[in-house]
Amino acid sequence: MATADPQKLKQLIYILMDNAIKYSESAIHVAIKVELDQGVITVTDKGIGIPEGDLPKVFDRFYRVDKARTRKSGGYGLGLSLAKELSEVLGMTISLQSTEGEGTTASIRFRLYS
């Protein structure tokens, strides 16, 4: 059992799924699981991935990995910064694991109550 604002959580998951869809032509995998005393929601794509050097910066406002992208294909660089803010408001943590050319997994971790 967990407690969260359903609208904020919905928006957080939407942002992660929207990014996965933008950068992957393969199916997106969403999973919910329990690890120790935490709930974990993961969104995994098999897309272009994020270069290792860019991973620490992707949650910064207006940061985009590929500066050549236009609004049509890449947005303004606000999605992941908003996702980070939403996760903090919800008392959750968000992280990304990515390998360039192989894909990305976004994870949301939250406390479970018994």
PDB file of N, CA and C in Angstrom:
ATOM      1  N   MET A   1       0.842  -1.167   0.000  1.00  0.00           N
ATOM      2  CA  MET A   1       0.000   0.000   0.000  1.00  0.00           C
ATOM      3  C   MET A   1       0.895   1.240   0.000  1.00  0.00           C
ATOM      4  N   ALA A   2       0.496   2.251  -0.734  1.00  0.00           N
ATOM      5  CA  ALA A   2       1.244   3.500  -0.809  1.00  0.00           C
ATOM      6  C   ALA A   2       0.253   4.659  -0.880  1.00  0.00           C
ATOM      7  N   THR A   3       0.720   5.837  -0.533  1.00  0.00           N
ATOM      8  CA  THR A   3      -0.108   7.033  -0.590  1.00  0.00           C
ATOM      9  C   THR A   3       0.532   8.024  -1.562  1.00  0.00           C
ATOM     10  N   ALA A   4      -0.296   8.590  -2.455  1.00  0.00           N
ATOM     11  CA  ALA A   4       0.215   9.592  -3.402  1.00  0.00           C
ATOM     12  C   ALA A   4      -0.948  10.386  -3.961  1.00  0.00           C
ATOM     13  N   ASP A   5      -0.663  11.578  -4.419  1.00  0.00           N
ATOM     14  CA  ASP A   5      -1.652  12.383  -5.136  1.00  0.00           C
ATOM     15  C   ASP A   5      -1.808  11.750  -6.511  1.00  0.00           C
ATOM     16  N   PRO A   6      -2.997  11.204  -6.833  1.00  0.00           N
ATOM     17  CA  PRO A   6      -3.150  10.472  -8.101  1.00  0.00           C
ATOM     18  C   PRO A   6      -2.874  11.322  -9.346  1.00  0.00           C
ATOM     19  N   GLN A   7      -3.251  12.587  -9.331  1.00  0.00           N
ATOM     20  CA  GLN A   7      -3.020  13.437 -10.513  1.00  0.00           C
ATOM     21  C   GLN A   7      -1.535  13.699 -10.724  1.00  0.00           C
ATOM     22  N   LYS A   8      -0.824  13.969  -9.646  1.00  0.00           N
ATOM     23  CA  LYS A   8       0.617  14.230  -9.769  1.00  0.00           C
ATOM     24  C   LYS A   8       1.361  12.963 -10.202  1.00  0.00           C
ATOM     25  N   LEU A   9       0.974  11.826  -9.636  1.00  0.00           N
ATOM     26  CA  LEU A   9       1.614  10.567 -10.023  1.00  0.00           C
ATOM     27  C   LEU A   9       1.320  10.242 -11.486  1.00  0.00           C
ATOM     28  N   LYS A  10       0.093  10.477 -11.903  1.00  0.00           N
ATOM     29  CA  LYS A  10      -0.288  10.259 -13.305  1.00  0.00           C
ATOM     30  C   LYS A  10       0.562  11.138 -14.226  1.00  0.00           C
ATOM     31  N   GLN A  11       0.746  12.402 -13.852  1.00  0.00           N
ATOM     32  CA  GLN A  11       1.545  13.316 -14.669  1.00  0.00           C
ATOM     33  C   GLN A  11       3.005  12.863 -14.711  1.00  0.00           C
ATOM     34  N   LEU A  12       3.528  12.407 -13.596  1.00  0.00           N
ATOM     35  CA  LEU A  12       4.903  11.928 -13.534  1.00  0.00           C
ATOM     36  C   LEU A  12       5.111  10.736 -14.472  1.00  0.00           C
ATOM     37  N   ILE A  13       4.220   9.773 -14.405  1.00  0.00           N
ATOM     38  CA  ILE A  13       4.330   8.595 -15.278  1.00  0.00           C
ATOM     39  C   ILE A  13       4.136   8.992 -16.740  1.00  0.00           C
ATOM     40  N   TYR A  14       3.224   9.913 -17.004  1.00  0.00           N
ATOM     41  CA  TYR A  14       2.999  10.388 -18.373  1.00  0.00           C
ATOM     42  C   TYR A  14       4.278  10.986 -18.960  1.00  0.00           C
ATOM     43  N   ILE A  15       4.981  11.806 -18.185  1.00  0.00           N
ATOM     44  CA  ILE A  15       6.221  12.427 -18.670  1.00  0.00           C
ATOM     45  C   ILE A  15       7.240  11.350 -19.061  1.00  0.00           C
ATOM     46  N   LEU A  16       7.394  10.343 -18.205  1.00  0.00           N
ATOM     47  CA  LEU A  16       8.371   9.288 -18.482  1.00  0.00           C
ATOM     48  C   LEU A  16       7.975   8.463 -19.706  1.00  0.00           C
ATOM     49  N   MET A  17       6.688   8.178 -19.830  1.00  0.00           N
ATOM     50  CA  MET A  17       6.231   7.419 -21.000  1.00  0.00           C
ATOM     51  C   MET A  17       6.348   8.246 -22.276  1.00  0.00           C
ATOM     52  N   ASP A  18       6.047   9.527 -22.198  1.00  0.00           N
ATOM     53  CA  ASP A  18       6.158  10.411 -23.359  1.00  0.00           C
ATOM     54  C   ASP A  18       7.604  10.454 -23.857  1.00  0.00           C
ATOM     55  N   ASN A  19       8.556  10.573 -22.937  1.00  0.00           N
ATOM     56  CA  ASN A  19       9.968  10.560 -23.339  1.00  0.00           C
ATOM     57  C   ASN A  19      10.335   9.234 -23.982  1.00  0.00           C
ATOM     58  N   ALA A  20       9.898   8.133 -23.383  1.00  0.00           N
ATOM     59  CA  ALA A  20      10.216   6.806 -23.928  1.00  0.00           C
ATOM     60  C   ALA A  20       9.676   6.669 -25.348  1.00  0.00           C
ATOM     61  N   ILE A  21       8.471   7.129 -25.572  1.00  0.00           N
ATOM     62  CA  ILE A  21       7.860   7.037 -26.903  1.00  0.00           C
ATOM     63  C   ILE A  21       8.588   7.917 -27.915  1.00  0.00           C
ATOM     64  N   LYS A  22       9.029   9.107 -27.489  1.00  0.00           N
ATOM     65  CA  LYS A  22       9.737  10.023 -28.390  1.00  0.00           C
ATOM     66  C   LYS A  22      11.039   9.431 -28.917  1.00  0.00           C
ATOM     67  N   TYR A  23      11.737   8.684 -28.060  1.00  0.00           N
ATOM     68  CA  TYR A  23      13.086   8.263 -28.404  1.00  0.00           C
ATOM     69  C   TYR A  23      13.229   6.768 -28.682  1.00  0.00           C
ATOM     70  N   SER A  24      12.116   6.078 -28.833  1.00  0.00           N
ATOM     71  CA  SER A  24      12.163   4.646 -29.121  1.00  0.00           C
ATOM     72  C   SER A  24      11.051   4.285 -30.092  1.00  0.00           C
ATOM     73  N   GLU A  25      11.374   3.461 -31.059  1.00  0.00           N
ATOM     74  CA  GLU A  25      10.348   2.979 -31.978  1.00  0.00           C
ATOM     75  C   GLU A  25       9.839   1.600 -31.564  1.00  0.00           C
ATOM     76  N   SER A  26      10.465   1.002 -30.565  1.00  0.00           N
ATOM     77  CA  SER A  26      10.047  -0.306 -30.051  1.00  0.00           C
ATOM     78  C   SER A  26       8.989  -0.112 -28.963  1.00  0.00           C
ATOM     79  N   ALA A  27       8.428  -1.223 -28.533  1.00  0.00           N
ATOM     80  CA  ALA A  27       7.438  -1.192 -27.462  1.00  0.00           C
ATOM     81  C   ALA A  27       8.069  -0.662 -26.171  1.00  0.00           C
ATOM     82  N   ILE A  28       7.254   0.010 -25.368  1.00  0.00           N
ATOM     83  CA  ILE A  28       7.673   0.537 -24.079  1.00  0.00           C
ATOM     84  C   ILE A  28       7.182  -0.437 -23.003  1.00  0.00           C
ATOM     85  N   HIS A  29       8.018  -0.745 -22.042  1.00  0.00           N
ATOM     86  CA  HIS A  29       7.650  -1.680 -20.976  1.00  0.00           C
ATOM     87  C   HIS A  29       7.483  -0.904 -19.672  1.00  0.00           C
ATOM     88  N   VAL A  30       6.317  -1.023 -19.057  1.00  0.00           N
ATOM     89  CA  VAL A  30       6.043  -0.395 -17.765  1.00  0.00           C
ATOM     90  C   VAL A  30       5.828  -1.507 -16.756  1.00  0.00           C
ATOM     91  N   ALA A  31       6.509  -1.408 -15.609  1.00  0.00           N
ATOM     92  CA  ALA A  31       6.384  -2.444 -14.575  1.00  0.00           C
ATOM     93  C   ALA A  31       6.225  -1.797 -13.208  1.00  0.00           C
ATOM     94  N   ILE A  32       5.511  -2.491 -12.350  1.00  0.00           N
ATOM     95  CA  ILE A  32       5.366  -2.087 -10.950  1.00  0.00           C
ATOM     96  C   ILE A  32       5.779  -3.292 -10.116  1.00  0.00           C
ATOM     97  N   LYS A  33       6.697  -3.054  -9.174  1.00  0.00           N
ATOM     98  CA  LYS A  33       7.166  -4.174  -8.361  1.00  0.00           C
ATOM     99  C   LYS A  33       7.521  -3.691  -6.961  1.00  0.00           C
ATOM    100  N   VAL A  34       7.803  -4.635  -6.086  1.00  0.00           N
ATOM    101  CA  VAL A  34       8.228  -4.344  -4.726  1.00  0.00           C
ATOM    102  C   VAL A  34       9.664  -4.817  -4.583  1.00  0.00           C
ATOM    103  N   GLU A  35      10.515  -3.927  -4.071  1.00  0.00           N
ATOM    104  CA  GLU A  35      11.903  -4.263  -3.767  1.00  0.00           C
ATOM    105  C   GLU A  35      12.154  -3.873  -2.315  1.00  0.00           C
ATOM    106  N   LEU A  36      12.345  -4.884  -1.475  1.00  0.00           N
ATOM    107  CA  LEU A  36      12.504  -4.687  -0.035  1.00  0.00           C
ATOM    108  C   LEU A  36      11.273  -3.945   0.507  1.00  0.00           C
ATOM    109  N   ASP A  37      11.450  -2.737   1.056  1.00  0.00           N
ATOM    110  CA  ASP A  37      10.317  -2.005   1.615  1.00  0.00           C
ATOM    111  C   ASP A  37       9.865  -0.860   0.702  1.00  0.00           C
ATOM    112  N   GLN A  38      10.234  -0.917  -0.579  1.00  0.00           N
ATOM    113  CA  GLN A  38       9.886   0.145  -1.515  1.00  0.00           C
ATOM    114  C   GLN A  38       9.077  -0.383  -2.688  1.00  0.00           C
ATOM    115  N   GLY A  39       8.183   0.462  -3.176  1.00  0.00           N
ATOM    116  CA  GLY A  39       7.528   0.199  -4.440  1.00  0.00           C
ATOM    117  C   GLY A  39       8.369   0.823  -5.537  1.00  0.00           C
ATOM    118  N   VAL A  40       8.385   0.198  -6.698  1.00  0.00           N
ATOM    119  CA  VAL A  40       9.175   0.714  -7.816  1.00  0.00           C
ATOM    120  C   VAL A  40       8.338   0.636  -9.085  1.00  0.00           C
ATOM    121  N   ILE A  41       8.228   1.762  -9.776  1.00  0.00           N
ATOM    122  CA  ILE A  41       7.594   1.811 -11.094  1.00  0.00           C
ATOM    123  C   ILE A  41       8.712   2.072 -12.087  1.00  0.00           C
ATOM    124  N   THR A  42       8.825   1.227 -13.114  1.00  0.00           N
ATOM    125  CA  THR A  42       9.854   1.436 -14.136  1.00  0.00           C
ATOM    126  C   THR A  42       9.209   1.605 -15.502  1.00  0.00           C
ATOM    127  N   VAL A  43       9.800   2.483 -16.286  1.00  0.00           N
ATOM    128  CA  VAL A  43       9.421   2.691 -17.686  1.00  0.00           C
ATOM    129  C   VAL A  43      10.690   2.448 -18.491  1.00  0.00           C
ATOM    130  N   THR A  44      10.662   1.411 -19.335  1.00  0.00           N
ATOM    131  CA  THR A  44      11.857   1.007 -20.082  1.00  0.00           C
ATOM    132  C   THR A  44      11.599   1.080 -21.580  1.00  0.00           C
ATOM    133  N   ASP A  45      12.555   1.675 -22.289  1.00  0.00           N
ATOM    134  CA  ASP A  45      12.475   1.696 -23.754  1.00  0.00           C
ATOM    135  C   ASP A  45      13.749   1.088 -24.324  1.00  0.00           C
ATOM    136  N   LYS A  46      13.704   0.737 -25.578  1.00  0.00           N
ATOM    137  CA  LYS A  46      14.861   0.197 -26.300  1.00  0.00           C
ATOM    138  C   LYS A  46      15.288   1.195 -27.371  1.00  0.00           C
ATOM    139  N   GLY A  47      15.297   2.469 -26.986  1.00  0.00           N
ATOM    140  CA  GLY A  47      15.572   3.537 -27.936  1.00  0.00           C
ATOM    141  C   GLY A  47      17.030   3.934 -28.024  1.00  0.00           C
ATOM    142  N   ILE A  48      17.238   5.214 -28.301  1.00  0.00           N
ATOM    143  CA  ILE A  48      18.566   5.732 -28.595  1.00  0.00           C
ATOM    144  C   ILE A  48      19.468   5.840 -27.369  1.00  0.00           C
ATOM    145  N   GLY A  49      18.879   5.851 -26.183  1.00  0.00           N
ATOM    146  CA  GLY A  49      19.665   5.953 -24.965  1.00  0.00           C
ATOM    147  C   GLY A  49      20.233   7.344 -24.751  1.00  0.00           C
ATOM    148  N   ILE A  50      20.902   7.507 -23.631  1.00  0.00           N
ATOM    149  CA  ILE A  50      21.477   8.795 -23.244  1.00  0.00           C
ATOM    150  C   ILE A  50      22.967   8.584 -23.001  1.00  0.00           C
ATOM    151  N   PRO A  51      23.822   9.422 -23.591  1.00  0.00           N
ATOM    152  CA  PRO A  51      25.253   9.295 -23.339  1.00  0.00           C
ATOM    153  C   PRO A  51      25.559   9.425 -21.844  1.00  0.00           C
ATOM    154  N   GLU A  52      26.501   8.639 -21.359  1.00  0.00           N
ATOM    155  CA  GLU A  52      26.839   8.603 -19.935  1.00  0.00           C
ATOM    156  C   GLU A  52      27.146   9.993 -19.375  1.00  0.00           C
ATOM    157  N   GLY A  53      27.839  10.798 -20.140  1.00  0.00           N
ATOM    158  CA  GLY A  53      28.206  12.140 -19.682  1.00  0.00           C
ATOM    159  C   GLY A  53      27.023  13.084 -19.522  1.00  0.00           C
ATOM    160  N   ASP A  54      25.923  12.790 -20.184  1.00  0.00           N
ATOM    161  CA  ASP A  54      24.735  13.643 -20.092  1.00  0.00           C
ATOM    162  C   ASP A  54      23.788  13.233 -18.969  1.00  0.00           C
ATOM    163  N   LEU A  55      23.893  12.008 -18.478  1.00  0.00           N
ATOM    164  CA  LEU A  55      22.954  11.513 -17.459  1.00  0.00           C
ATOM    165  C   LEU A  55      22.837  12.421 -16.236  1.00  0.00           C
ATOM    166  N   PRO A  56      23.938  12.950 -15.675  1.00  0.00           N
ATOM    167  CA  PRO A  56      23.790  13.799 -14.484  1.00  0.00           C
ATOM    168  C   PRO A  56      23.044  15.107 -14.757  1.00  0.00           C
ATOM    169  N   LYS A  57      22.934  15.506 -16.009  1.00  0.00           N
ATOM    170  CA  LYS A  57      22.355  16.807 -16.348  1.00  0.00           C
ATOM    171  C   LYS A  57      20.905  16.737 -16.825  1.00  0.00           C
ATOM    172  N   VAL A  58      20.382  15.556 -17.107  1.00  0.00           N
ATOM    173  CA  VAL A  58      19.072  15.457 -17.765  1.00  0.00           C
ATOM    174  C   VAL A  58      17.913  15.972 -16.924  1.00  0.00           C
ATOM    175  N   PHE A  59      18.097  16.080 -15.607  1.00  0.00           N
ATOM    176  CA  PHE A  59      17.029  16.617 -14.766  1.00  0.00           C
ATOM    177  C   PHE A  59      17.124  18.130 -14.605  1.00  0.00           C
ATOM    178  N   ASP A  60      18.136  18.756 -15.219  1.00  0.00           N
ATOM    179  CA  ASP A  60      18.279  20.210 -15.179  1.00  0.00           C
ATOM    180  C   ASP A  60      17.279  20.853 -16.130  1.00  0.00           C
ATOM    181  N   ARG A  61      16.687  21.939 -15.690  1.00  0.00           N
ATOM    182  CA  ARG A  61      15.716  22.654 -16.507  1.00  0.00           C
ATOM    183  C   ARG A  61      16.366  23.138 -17.805  1.00  0.00           C
ATOM    184  N   PHE A  62      15.687  22.951 -18.906  1.00  0.00           N
ATOM    185  CA  PHE A  62      16.086  23.359 -20.261  1.00  0.00           C
ATOM    186  C   PHE A  62      17.247  22.556 -20.842  1.00  0.00           C
ATOM    187  N   TYR A  63      17.717  21.521 -20.144  1.00  0.00           N
ATOM    188  CA  TYR A  63      18.816  20.719 -20.681  1.00  0.00           C
ATOM    189  C   TYR A  63      18.263  19.707 -21.686  1.00  0.00           C
ATOM    190  N   ARG A  64      18.876  19.679 -22.865  1.00  0.00           N
ATOM    191  CA  ARG A  64      18.523  18.680 -23.877  1.00  0.00           C
ATOM    192  C   ARG A  64      19.797  17.984 -24.304  1.00  0.00           C
ATOM    193  N   VAL A  65      19.712  16.676 -24.431  1.00  0.00           N
ATOM    194  CA  VAL A  65      20.898  15.897 -24.803  1.00  0.00           C
ATOM    195  C   VAL A  65      21.371  16.275 -26.190  1.00  0.00           C
ATOM    196  N   ASP A  66      20.468  16.329 -27.153  1.00  0.00           N
ATOM    197  CA  ASP A  66      20.818  16.663 -28.537  1.00  0.00           C
ATOM    198  C   ASP A  66      20.366  18.083 -28.810  1.00  0.00           C
ATOM    199  N   LYS A  67      21.314  19.019 -28.806  1.00  0.00           N
ATOM    200  CA  LYS A  67      20.989  20.440 -28.993  1.00  0.00           C
ATOM    201  C   LYS A  67      20.425  20.734 -30.386  1.00  0.00           C
ATOM    202  N   ALA A  68      20.599  19.825 -31.332  1.00  0.00           N
ATOM    203  CA  ALA A  68      20.129  20.049 -32.698  1.00  0.00           C
ATOM    204  C   ALA A  68      18.637  19.748 -32.847  1.00  0.00           C
ATOM    205  N   ARG A  69      18.028  19.126 -31.851  1.00  0.00           N
ATOM    206  CA  ARG A  69      16.605  18.776 -31.967  1.00  0.00           C
ATOM    207  C   ARG A  69      15.745  20.023 -31.989  1.00  0.00           C
ATOM    208  N   THR A  70      14.704  19.980 -32.766  1.00  0.00           N
ATOM    209  CA  THR A  70      13.760  21.081 -32.815  1.00  0.00           C
ATOM    210  C   THR A  70      12.623  20.801 -31.850  1.00  0.00           C
ATOM    211  N   ARG A  71      11.711  21.730 -31.692  1.00  0.00           N
ATOM    212  CA  ARG A  71      10.547  21.542 -30.829  1.00  0.00           C
ATOM    213  C   ARG A  71       9.746  20.327 -31.277  1.00  0.00           C
ATOM    214  N   LYS A  72       9.654  20.105 -32.586  1.00  0.00           N
ATOM    215  CA  LYS A  72       8.895  18.961 -33.099  1.00  0.00           C
ATOM    216  C   LYS A  72       9.402  17.643 -32.553  1.00  0.00           C
ATOM    217  N   SER A  73      10.707  17.489 -32.500  1.00  0.00           N
ATOM    218  CA  SER A  73      11.241  16.190 -32.107  1.00  0.00           C
ATOM    219  C   SER A  73      11.819  16.147 -30.703  1.00  0.00           C
ATOM    220  N   GLY A  74      12.049  17.296 -30.078  1.00  0.00           N
ATOM    221  CA  GLY A  74      12.756  17.218 -28.815  1.00  0.00           C
ATOM    222  C   GLY A  74      12.245  18.039 -27.663  1.00  0.00           C
ATOM    223  N   GLY A  75      11.306  18.915 -27.855  1.00  0.00           N
ATOM    224  CA  GLY A  75      10.779  19.692 -26.738  1.00  0.00           C
ATOM    225  C   GLY A  75      11.733  20.771 -26.268  1.00  0.00           C
ATOM    226  N   TYR A  76      11.420  21.297 -25.088  1.00  0.00           N
ATOM    227  CA  TYR A  76      12.168  22.417 -24.532  1.00  0.00           C
ATOM    228  C   TYR A  76      13.127  22.021 -23.418  1.00  0.00           C
ATOM    229  N   GLY A  77      13.180  20.754 -23.079  1.00  0.00           N
ATOM    230  CA  GLY A  77      14.054  20.324 -22.007  1.00  0.00           C
ATOM    231  C   GLY A  77      13.457  20.548 -20.630  1.00  0.00           C
ATOM    232  N   LEU A  78      12.125  20.537 -20.534  1.00  0.00           N
ATOM    233  CA  LEU A  78      11.461  20.758 -19.256  1.00  0.00           C
ATOM    234  C   LEU A  78      10.860  19.496 -18.654  1.00  0.00           C
ATOM    235  N   GLY A  79      10.621  18.480 -19.458  1.00  0.00           N
ATOM    236  CA  GLY A  79       9.910  17.295 -18.998  1.00  0.00           C
ATOM    237  C   GLY A  79      10.560  16.601 -17.823  1.00  0.00           C
ATOM    238  N   LEU A  80      11.831  16.270 -17.930  1.00  0.00           N
ATOM    239  CA  LEU A  80      12.484  15.539 -16.850  1.00  0.00           C
ATOM    240  C   LEU A  80      12.717  16.413 -15.620  1.00  0.00           C
ATOM    241  N   SER A  81      12.906  17.717 -15.806  1.00  0.00           N
ATOM    242  CA  SER A  81      13.043  18.585 -14.631  1.00  0.00           C
ATOM    243  C   SER A  81      11.704  18.651 -13.892  1.00  0.00           C
ATOM    244  N   LEU A  82      10.599  18.708 -14.635  1.00  0.00           N
ATOM    245  CA  LEU A  82       9.276  18.681 -14.013  1.00  0.00           C
ATOM    246  C   LEU A  82       9.031  17.334 -13.334  1.00  0.00           C
ATOM    247  N   ALA A  83       9.457  16.241 -13.956  1.00  0.00           N
ATOM    248  CA  ALA A  83       9.318  14.910 -13.357  1.00  0.00           C
ATOM    249  C   ALA A  83      10.073  14.850 -12.031  1.00  0.00           C
ATOM    250  N   LYS A  84      11.253  15.412 -11.989  1.00  0.00           N
ATOM    251  CA  LYS A  84      12.053  15.435 -10.755  1.00  0.00           C
ATOM    252  C   LYS A  84      11.322  16.219  -9.668  1.00  0.00           C
ATOM    253  N   GLU A  85      10.773  17.383 -10.028  1.00  0.00           N
ATOM    254  CA  GLU A  85      10.036  18.198  -9.060  1.00  0.00           C
ATOM    255  C   GLU A  85       8.795  17.463  -8.555  1.00  0.00           C
ATOM    256  N   LEU A  86       8.068  16.834  -9.451  1.00  0.00           N
ATOM    257  CA  LEU A  86       6.879  16.074  -9.052  1.00  0.00           C
ATOM    258  C   LEU A  86       7.248  14.938  -8.106  1.00  0.00           C
ATOM    259  N   SER A  87       8.322  14.228  -8.418  1.00  0.00           N
ATOM    260  CA  SER A  87       8.724  13.116  -7.552  1.00  0.00           C
ATOM    261  C   SER A  87       9.077  13.617  -6.150  1.00  0.00           C
ATOM    262  N   GLU A  88       9.721  14.764  -6.074  1.00  0.00           N
ATOM    263  CA  GLU A  88      10.081  15.318  -4.771  1.00  0.00           C
ATOM    264  C   GLU A  88       8.836  15.731  -3.987  1.00  0.00           C
ATOM    265  N   VAL A  89       7.874  16.359  -4.654  1.00  0.00           N
ATOM    266  CA  VAL A  89       6.613  16.752  -4.009  1.00  0.00           C
ATOM    267  C   VAL A  89       5.875  15.520  -3.492  1.00  0.00           C
ATOM    268  N   LEU A  90       5.951  14.429  -4.240  1.00  0.00           N
ATOM    269  CA  LEU A  90       5.275  13.189  -3.866  1.00  0.00           C
ATOM    270  C   LEU A  90       6.058  12.374  -2.829  1.00  0.00           C
ATOM    271  N   GLY A  91       7.271  12.812  -2.490  1.00  0.00           N
ATOM    272  CA  GLY A  91       8.103  12.069  -1.555  1.00  0.00           C
ATOM    273  C   GLY A  91       8.700  10.822  -2.179  1.00  0.00           C
ATOM    274  N   MET A  92       8.884  10.864  -3.477  1.00  0.00           N
ATOM    275  CA  MET A  92       9.431   9.740  -4.231  1.00  0.00           C
ATOM    276  C   MET A  92      10.794  10.127  -4.790  1.00  0.00           C
ATOM    277  N   THR A  93      11.529   9.146  -5.262  1.00  0.00           N
ATOM    278  CA  THR A  93      12.787   9.441  -5.940  1.00  0.00           C
ATOM    279  C   THR A  93      12.698   8.921  -7.367  1.00  0.00           C
ATOM    280  N   ILE A  94      13.364   9.631  -8.254  1.00  0.00           N
ATOM    281  CA  ILE A  94      13.375   9.247  -9.665  1.00  0.00           C
ATOM    282  C   ILE A  94      14.827   9.109 -10.100  1.00  0.00           C
ATOM    283  N   SER A  95      15.085   8.114 -10.930  1.00  0.00           N
ATOM    284  CA  SER A  95      16.442   7.924 -11.450  1.00  0.00           C
ATOM    285  C   SER A  95      16.364   7.358 -12.863  1.00  0.00           C
ATOM    286  N   LEU A  96      17.446   7.526 -13.594  1.00  0.00           N
ATOM    287  CA  LEU A  96      17.548   6.997 -14.953  1.00  0.00           C
ATOM    288  C   LEU A  96      18.788   6.128 -15.062  1.00  0.00           C
ATOM    289  N   GLN A  97      18.632   5.015 -15.752  1.00  0.00           N
ATOM    290  CA  GLN A  97      19.766   4.181 -16.158  1.00  0.00           C
ATOM    291  C   GLN A  97      19.673   4.095 -17.667  1.00  0.00           C
ATOM    292  N   SER A  98      20.784   4.349 -18.338  1.00  0.00           N
ATOM    293  CA  SER A  98      20.725   4.374 -19.793  1.00  0.00           C
ATOM    294  C   SER A  98      22.050   3.947 -20.398  1.00  0.00           C
ATOM    295  N   THR A  99      21.935   3.302 -21.541  1.00  0.00           N
ATOM    296  CA  THR A  99      23.106   2.954 -22.340  1.00  0.00           C
ATOM    297  C   THR A  99      22.837   3.471 -23.747  1.00  0.00           C
ATOM    298  N   GLU A 100      23.741   4.304 -24.224  1.00  0.00           N
ATOM    299  CA  GLU A 100      23.571   4.894 -25.550  1.00  0.00           C
ATOM    300  C   GLU A 100      23.439   3.786 -26.592  1.00  0.00           C
ATOM    301  N   GLY A 101      22.414   3.899 -27.423  1.00  0.00           N
ATOM    302  CA  GLY A 101      22.176   2.924 -28.474  1.00  0.00           C
ATOM    303  C   GLY A 101      21.394   1.696 -28.032  1.00  0.00           C
ATOM    304  N   GLU A 102      21.140   1.562 -26.731  1.00  0.00           N
ATOM    305  CA  GLU A 102      20.424   0.383 -26.225  1.00  0.00           C
ATOM    306  C   GLU A 102      19.106   0.705 -25.545  1.00  0.00           C
ATOM    307  N   GLY A 103      19.003   1.871 -24.917  1.00  0.00           N
ATOM    308  CA  GLY A 103      17.751   2.232 -24.269  1.00  0.00           C
ATOM    309  C   GLY A 103      17.928   2.823 -22.891  1.00  0.00           C
ATOM    310  N   THR A 104      16.782   3.145 -22.290  1.00  0.00           N
ATOM    311  CA  THR A 104      16.747   3.840 -21.005  1.00  0.00           C
ATOM    312  C   THR A 104      15.682   3.234 -20.113  1.00  0.00           C
ATOM    313  N   THR A 105      15.987   3.168 -18.823  1.00  0.00           N
ATOM    314  CA  THR A 105      14.989   2.787 -17.823  1.00  0.00           C
ATOM    315  C   THR A 105      14.882   3.916 -16.814  1.00  0.00           C
ATOM    316  N   ALA A 106      13.669   4.431 -16.674  1.00  0.00           N
ATOM    317  CA  ALA A 106      13.372   5.437 -15.657  1.00  0.00           C
ATOM    318  C   ALA A 106      12.701   4.702 -14.497  1.00  0.00           C
ATOM    319  N   SER A 107      13.156   4.981 -13.279  1.00  0.00           N
ATOM    320  CA  SER A 107      12.605   4.324 -12.087  1.00  0.00           C
ATOM    321  C   SER A 107      12.070   5.352 -11.109  1.00  0.00           C
ATOM    322  N   ILE A 108      10.889   5.072 -10.591  1.00  0.00           N
ATOM    323  CA  ILE A 108      10.290   5.887  -9.524  1.00  0.00           C
ATOM    324  C   ILE A 108      10.219   4.984  -8.309  1.00  0.00           C
ATOM    325  N   ARG A 109      10.814   5.416  -7.214  1.00  0.00           N
ATOM    326  CA  ARG A 109      10.815   4.622  -5.976  1.00  0.00           C
ATOM    327  C   ARG A 109      10.017   5.353  -4.913  1.00  0.00           C
ATOM    328  N   PHE A 110       9.223   4.573  -4.154  1.00  0.00           N
ATOM    329  CA  PHE A 110       8.389   5.182  -3.136  1.00  0.00           C
ATOM    330  C   PHE A 110       8.222   4.237  -1.947  1.00  0.00           C
ATOM    331  N   ARG A 111       7.911   4.837  -0.829  1.00  0.00           N
ATOM    332  CA  ARG A 111       7.756   4.095   0.405  1.00  0.00           C
ATOM    333  C   ARG A 111       6.430   3.334   0.416  1.00  0.00           C
ATOM    334  N   LEU A 112       6.470   2.125   0.917  1.00  0.00           N
ATOM    335  CA  LEU A 112       5.265   1.311   1.072  1.00  0.00           C
ATOM    336  C   LEU A 112       4.862   1.297   2.539  1.00  0.00           C
ATOM    337  N   TYR A 113       3.560   1.216   2.762  1.00  0.00           N
ATOM    338  CA  TYR A 113       3.006   1.118   4.103  1.00  0.00           C
ATOM    339  C   TYR A 113       2.297  -0.215   4.246  1.00  0.00           C
ATOM    340  N   SER A 114       2.398  -0.808   5.426  1.00  0.00           N
ATOM    341  CA  SER A 114       1.731  -2.085   5.617  1.00  0.00           C
ATOM    342  C   SER A 114       0.485  -1.955   6.457  1.00  0.00           C
TER     343      SER A 114
END
